[in-house]
C-alpha atoms as a PDB file:
ATOM      1  CA  UNK A   1     143.097  39.974 123.890  1.00  0.00           C
ATOM      2  CA  UNK A   2     144.883  40.867 120.581  1.00  0.00           C
ATOM      3  CA  UNK A   3     141.586  42.326 118.500  1.00  0.00           C
ATOM      4  CA  UNK A   4     141.114  44.925 121.542  1.00  0.00           C
ATOM      5  CA  UNK A   5     144.594  45.263 121.898  1.00  0.00           C
ATOM      6  CA  UNK A   6     144.783  46.596 118.096  1.00  0.00           C
ATOM      7  CA  UNK A   7     141.663  48.492 118.432  1.00  0.00           C
ATOM      8  CA  UNK A   8     143.012  50.272 121.739  1.00  0.00           C
ATOM      9  CA  UNK A   9     146.693  50.545 120.112  1.00  0.00           C
ATOM     10  CA  UNK A  10     145.132  52.108 116.785  1.00  0.00           C
ATOM     11  CA  UNK A  11     142.956  54.398 119.107  1.00  0.00           C
ATOM     12  CA  UNK A  12     145.856  55.773 120.342  1.00  0.00           C
ATOM     13  CA  UNK A  13     147.787  56.496 117.500  1.00  0.00           C
ATOM     14  CA  UNK A  14     144.926  57.848 115.356  1.00  0.00           C
ATOM     15  CA  UNK A  15     144.070  60.151 118.164  1.00  0.00           C
ATOM     16  CA  UNK A  16     147.511  61.597 118.585  1.00  0.00           C
ATOM     17  CA  UNK A  17     147.810  62.297 114.455  1.00  0.00           C
ATOM     18  CA  UNK A  18     144.686  63.886 114.573  1.00  0.00           C
ATOM     19  CA  UNK A  19     146.063  66.181 117.435  1.00  0.00           C
ATOM     20  CA  UNK A  20     149.576  66.774 115.644  1.00  0.00           C
ATOM     21  CA  UNK A  21     147.610  67.452 112.302  1.00  0.00           C
ATOM     22  CA  UNK A  22     144.732  69.486 114.104  1.00  0.00           C
ATOM     23  CA  UNK A  23     147.056  71.322 116.203  1.00  0.00           C
ATOM     24  CA  UNK A  24     145.076  74.744 116.247  1.00  0.00           C
ATOM     25  CA  UNK A  25     141.684  73.028 116.946  1.00  0.00           C
ATOM     26  CA  UNK A  26     143.194  71.878 120.411  1.00  0.00           C
ATOM     27  CA  UNK A  27     143.426  74.720 123.227  1.00  0.00           C
ATOM     28  CA  UNK A  28     145.162  74.738 126.559  1.00  0.00           C
ATOM     29  CA  UNK A  29     143.481  74.838 129.421  1.00  0.00           C
ATOM     30  CA  UNK A  30     145.649  78.756 130.049  1.00  0.00           C
ATOM     31  CA  UNK A  31     144.027  79.683 126.304  1.00  0.00           C
ATOM     32  CA  UNK A  32     140.327  78.387 126.886  1.00  0.00           C
ATOM     33  CA  UNK A  33     140.590  80.400 130.308  1.00  0.00           C
ATOM     34  CA  UNK A  34     141.938  83.519 128.553  1.00  0.00           C
ATOM     35  CA  UNK A  35     139.286  83.239 126.182  1.00  0.00           C
ATOM     36  CA  UNK A  36     136.711  82.701 128.704  1.00  0.00           C
ATOM     37  CA  UNK A  37     137.110  85.480 130.863  1.00  0.00           C
ATOM     38  CA  UNK A  38     137.361  87.474 127.635  1.00  0.00           C
ATOM     39  CA  UNK A  39     133.717  86.686 125.939  1.00  0.00           C
ATOM     40  CA  UNK A  40     132.487  86.877 130.086  1.00  0.00           C
ATOM     41  CA  UNK A  41     133.434  90.485 129.570  1.00  0.00           C
ATOM     42  CA  UNK A  42     131.189  91.620 126.763  1.00  0.00           C
ATOM     43  CA  UNK A  43     128.136  90.109 127.589  1.00  0.00           C
ATOM     44  CA  UNK A  44     125.670  92.572 127.494  1.00  0.00           C
ATOM     45  CA  UNK A  45     122.481  93.259 129.450  1.00  0.00           C
ATOM     46  CA  UNK A  46     119.572  94.705 127.583  1.00  0.00           C
ATOM     47  CA  UNK A  47     115.590  95.837 128.282  1.00  0.00           C
ATOM     48  CA  UNK A  48     113.426  96.719 125.606  1.00  0.00           C
ATOM     49  CA  UNK A  49     109.899  97.226 125.058  1.00  0.00           C
ATOM     50  CA  UNK A  50     108.613  98.017 121.748  1.00  0.00           C
ATOM     51  CA  UNK A  51     104.746  99.215 121.437  1.00  0.00           C
ATOM     52  CA  UNK A  52     102.488 100.058 118.270  1.00  0.00           C
ATOM     53  CA  UNK A  53      99.067 101.611 118.952  1.00  0.00           C
ATOM     54  CA  UNK A  54      97.264 105.253 118.928  1.00  0.00           C
ATOM     55  CA  UNK A  55      98.654 108.496 120.631  1.00  0.00           C
ATOM     56  CA  UNK A  56      95.956 109.834 123.232  1.00  0.00           C
ATOM     57  CA  UNK A  57      96.963 113.170 122.702  1.00  0.00           C
ATOM     58  CA  UNK A  58      98.570 115.660 121.074  1.00  0.00           C
ATOM     59  CA  UNK A  59     102.819 115.792 121.970  1.00  0.00           C
ATOM     60  CA  UNK A  60     103.822 118.207 124.445  1.00  0.00           C
ATOM     61  CA  UNK A  61     107.311 119.249 123.872  1.00  0.00           C
ATOM     62  CA  UNK A  62     108.913 120.711 127.471  1.00  0.00           C
ATOM     63  CA  UNK A  63     112.503 121.468 128.771  1.00  0.00           C
ATOM     64  CA  UNK A  64     114.086 119.885 131.797  1.00  0.00           C
ATOM     65  CA  UNK A  65     117.031 121.215 133.063  1.00  0.00           C
ATOM     66  CA  UNK A  66     118.105 122.870 129.906  1.00  0.00           C
ATOM     67  CA  UNK A  67     117.561 119.222 127.565  1.00  0.00           C
ATOM     68  CA  UNK A  68     114.395 119.478 124.920  1.00  0.00           C
ATOM     69  CA  UNK A  69     112.280 116.005 125.650  1.00  0.00           C
ATOM     70  CA  UNK A  70     109.024 115.657 123.888  1.00  0.00           C
ATOM     71  CA  UNK A  71     105.680 113.883 126.352  1.00  0.00           C
ATOM     72  CA  UNK A  72     103.877 112.055 124.681  1.00  0.00           C
ATOM     73  CA  UNK A  73     101.315 109.374 125.503  1.00  0.00           C
ATOM     74  CA  UNK A  74     100.322 105.402 123.147  1.00  0.00           C
ATOM     75  CA  UNK A  75      97.374 103.630 124.136  1.00  0.00           C
ATOM     76  CA  UNK A  76      97.763  99.806 122.765  1.00  0.00           C
ATOM     77  CA  UNK A  77      94.208  97.695 122.770  1.00  0.00           C
ATOM     78  CA  UNK A  78      94.637  93.937 123.102  1.00  0.00           C
ATOM     79  CA  UNK A  79      91.323  91.743 121.865  1.00  0.00           C
ATOM     80  CA  UNK A  80      90.796  88.708 122.887  1.00  0.00           C
ATOM     81  CA  UNK A  81      87.889  86.044 124.174  1.00  0.00           C
ATOM     82  CA  UNK A  82      88.183  85.270 128.311  1.00  0.00           C
ATOM     83  CA  UNK A  83      87.273  81.630 129.262  1.00  0.00           C
ATOM     84  CA  UNK A  84      83.159  82.082 128.782  1.00  0.00           C
ATOM     85  CA  UNK A  85      83.346  82.953 124.679  1.00  0.00           C
ATOM     86  CA  UNK A  86      83.438  86.794 125.551  1.00  0.00           C
ATOM     87  CA  UNK A  87      85.007  89.132 123.310  1.00  0.00           C
ATOM     88  CA  UNK A  88      87.417  91.332 126.095  1.00  0.00           C
ATOM     89  CA  UNK A  89      89.114  94.440 125.041  1.00  0.00           C
ATOM     90  CA  UNK A  90      91.997  95.797 127.259  1.00  0.00           C
ATOM     91  CA  UNK A  91      94.282  99.523 126.528  1.00  0.00           C
ATOM     92  CA  UNK A  92      97.247  99.426 128.395  1.00  0.00           C
ATOM     93  CA  UNK A  93      98.689 103.241 127.901  1.00  0.00           C
ATOM     94  CA  UNK A  94     102.206 103.827 128.152  1.00  0.00           C
ATOM     95  CA  UNK A  95     103.614 107.482 128.893  1.00  0.00           C
ATOM     96  CA  UNK A  96     106.062 108.148 126.719  1.00  0.00           C
ATOM     97  CA  UNK A  97     109.471 110.918 126.755  1.00  0.00           C
ATOM     98  CA  UNK A  98     111.387 111.296 123.682  1.00  0.00           C
ATOM     99  CA  UNK A  99     114.660 112.794 124.646  1.00  0.00           C
ATOM    100  CA  UNK A 100     116.158 115.144 122.076  1.00  0.00           C
ATOM    101  CA  UNK A 101     113.526 114.550 119.935  1.00  0.00           C
ATOM    102  CA  UNK A 102     113.640 115.284 115.827  1.00  0.00           C
ATOM    103  CA  UNK A 103     111.581 117.261 113.568  1.00  0.00           C
ATOM    104  CA  UNK A 104     108.489 114.763 114.058  1.00  0.00           C
ATOM    105  CA  UNK A 105     106.914 116.760 116.601  1.00  0.00           C
ATOM    106  CA  UNK A 106     104.213 118.094 114.494  1.00  0.00           C
ATOM    107  CA  UNK A 107     103.403 114.778 113.365  1.00  0.00           C
ATOM    108  CA  UNK A 108     102.716 113.143 116.880  1.00  0.00           C
ATOM    109  CA  UNK A 109      99.226 114.218 116.941  1.00  0.00           C
ATOM    110  CA  UNK A 110      96.306 112.725 119.087  1.00  0.00           C
ATOM    111  CA  UNK A 111      95.337 109.093 116.840  1.00  0.00           C
ATOM    112  CA  UNK A 112      98.183 108.880 114.798  1.00  0.00           C
ATOM    113  CA  UNK A 113      99.654 104.944 114.414  1.00  0.00           C
ATOM    114  CA  UNK A 114     103.060 104.766 115.833  1.00  0.00           C
ATOM    115  CA  UNK A 115     106.090 102.350 116.752  1.00  0.00           C
ATOM    116  CA  UNK A 116     107.938 103.177 119.095  1.00  0.00           C
ATOM    117  CA  UNK A 117     110.488 101.220 121.070  1.00  0.00           C
ATOM    118  CA  UNK A 118     112.772 102.029 124.070  1.00  0.00           C
ATOM    119  CA  UNK A 119     113.671 101.359 128.456  1.00  0.00           C
ATOM    120  CA  UNK A 120     110.919 100.965 129.792  1.00  0.00           C
ATOM    121  CA  UNK A 121     110.157 102.487 133.380  1.00  0.00           C
ATOM    122  CA  UNK A 122     107.614 101.308 136.269  1.00  0.00           C
ATOM    123  CA  UNK A 123     106.848 104.353 138.345  1.00  0.00           C
ATOM    124  CA  UNK A 124     104.200 103.789 141.234  1.00  0.00           C
ATOM    125  CA  UNK A 125     101.675 106.793 143.133  1.00  0.00           C
ATOM    126  CA  UNK A 126      99.433 106.762 145.480  1.00  0.00           C
ATOM    127  CA  UNK A 127      95.884 106.610 143.978  1.00  0.00           C
ATOM    128  CA  UNK A 128      92.676 108.785 145.257  1.00  0.00           C
ATOM    129  CA  UNK A 129      91.492 105.427 146.603  1.00  0.00           C
ATOM    130  CA  UNK A 130      94.400 105.371 148.595  1.00  0.00           C
ATOM    131  CA  UNK A 131      96.100 102.515 147.096  1.00  0.00           C
ATOM    132  CA  UNK A 132      99.667 102.255 145.515  1.00  0.00           C
ATOM    133  CA  UNK A 133      98.980 102.214 141.245  1.00  0.00           C
ATOM    134  CA  UNK A 134     101.902 101.850 138.823  1.00  0.00           C
ATOM    135  CA  UNK A 135     102.864 103.544 135.404  1.00  0.00           C
ATOM    136  CA  UNK A 136     104.336 102.277 132.893  1.00  0.00           C
ATOM    137  CA  UNK A 137     106.545 104.630 130.939  1.00  0.00           C
ATOM    138  CA  UNK A 138     109.286 104.895 128.405  1.00  0.00           C
ATOM    139  CA  UNK A 139     111.580 106.203 126.815  1.00  0.00           C
ATOM    140  CA  UNK A 140     112.109 106.552 123.726  1.00  0.00           C
ATOM    141  CA  UNK A 141     114.776 105.365 121.354  1.00  0.00           C
ATOM    142  CA  UNK A 142     113.583 104.582 118.067  1.00  0.00           C
ATOM    143  CA  UNK A 143     109.852 106.371 116.621  1.00  0.00           C
ATOM    144  CA  UNK A 144     108.131 105.348 113.524  1.00  0.00           C
ATOM    145  CA  UNK A 145     105.398 106.780 112.273  1.00  0.00           C
ATOM    146  CA  UNK A 146     102.218 104.394 110.581  1.00  0.00           C
ATOM    147  CA  UNK A 147     100.119 106.756 109.897  1.00  0.00           C
ATOM    148  CA  UNK A 148     101.106 110.197 110.151  1.00  0.00           C
ATOM    149  CA  UNK A 149      99.328 113.452 110.340  1.00  0.00           C
ATOM    150  CA  UNK A 150     100.481 117.126 110.414  1.00  0.00           C
ATOM    151  CA  UNK A 151      99.323 119.579 112.860  1.00  0.00           C
ATOM    152  CA  UNK A 152      98.188 122.847 111.746  1.00  0.00           C
ATOM    153  CA  UNK A 153      98.048 126.307 113.376  1.00  0.00           C
ATOM    154  CA  UNK A 154      94.611 125.509 114.671  1.00  0.00           C
ATOM    155  CA  UNK A 155      95.904 122.148 115.726  1.00  0.00           C
ATOM    156  CA  UNK A 156      93.541 120.309 113.608  1.00  0.00           C
ATOM    157  CA  UNK A 157      94.995 117.778 110.560  1.00  0.00           C
ATOM    158  CA  UNK A 158      94.851 120.119 107.295  1.00  0.00           C
ATOM    159  CA  UNK A 159      92.331 118.227 104.035  1.00  0.00           C
ATOM    160  CA  UNK A 160      94.143 116.072 102.015  1.00  0.00           C
ATOM    161  CA  UNK A 161      94.936 118.072  98.087  1.00  0.00           C
ATOM    162  CA  UNK A 162      92.840 117.471  95.552  1.00  0.00           C
ATOM    163  CA  UNK A 163      94.285 114.787  92.897  1.00  0.00           C
ATOM    164  CA  UNK A 164      94.786 115.988  90.009  1.00  0.00           C
ATOM    165  CA  UNK A 165      93.060 114.173  86.884  1.00  0.00           C
ATOM    166  CA  UNK A 166      95.356 112.132  84.885  1.00  0.00           C
ATOM    167  CA  UNK A 167      93.953 113.922  81.400  1.00  0.00           C
ATOM    168  CA  UNK A 168      95.265 117.375  82.678  1.00  0.00           C
ATOM    169  CA  UNK A 169      98.677 116.596  82.980  1.00  0.00           C
ATOM    170  CA  UNK A 170     101.027 118.149  80.655  1.00  0.00           C
ATOM    171  CA  UNK A 171     102.709 114.832  79.451  1.00  0.00           C
END
């Protein structure tokens, strides 16, 4: 009985000493509620889509309500084996819109390998068969060229320049 009483007394004294010594770590209920409410108001929501793929067509720059937009489509190819072991290839097309485009437009030609990131939007429409189909669209916030080309006046990628042999260099 004495050992039990001693342990309880010692534990209470020890807790009081720790609480006194580490008082900044022990907060009141009001402080906790204020911190919780502050944290609750800072919570953000986000939905983002990232795609790596090839452009299906050359990018087209349009003007909508006085704002410039660059429209292009990206194909993402997915290869996998089904249950029977047969190889299956599936292509997902994403229509992209890049508002306020920078000078990247001439580099976005058919076949260019790109990384795009942005906010996804799903639109529906009535197809020719009378059913409802969905289109995946992307409002682009980031675009990176993984393999680039440059569009000339005739719309073709120029031939690479001939490299100068190392023995012809002046230094």
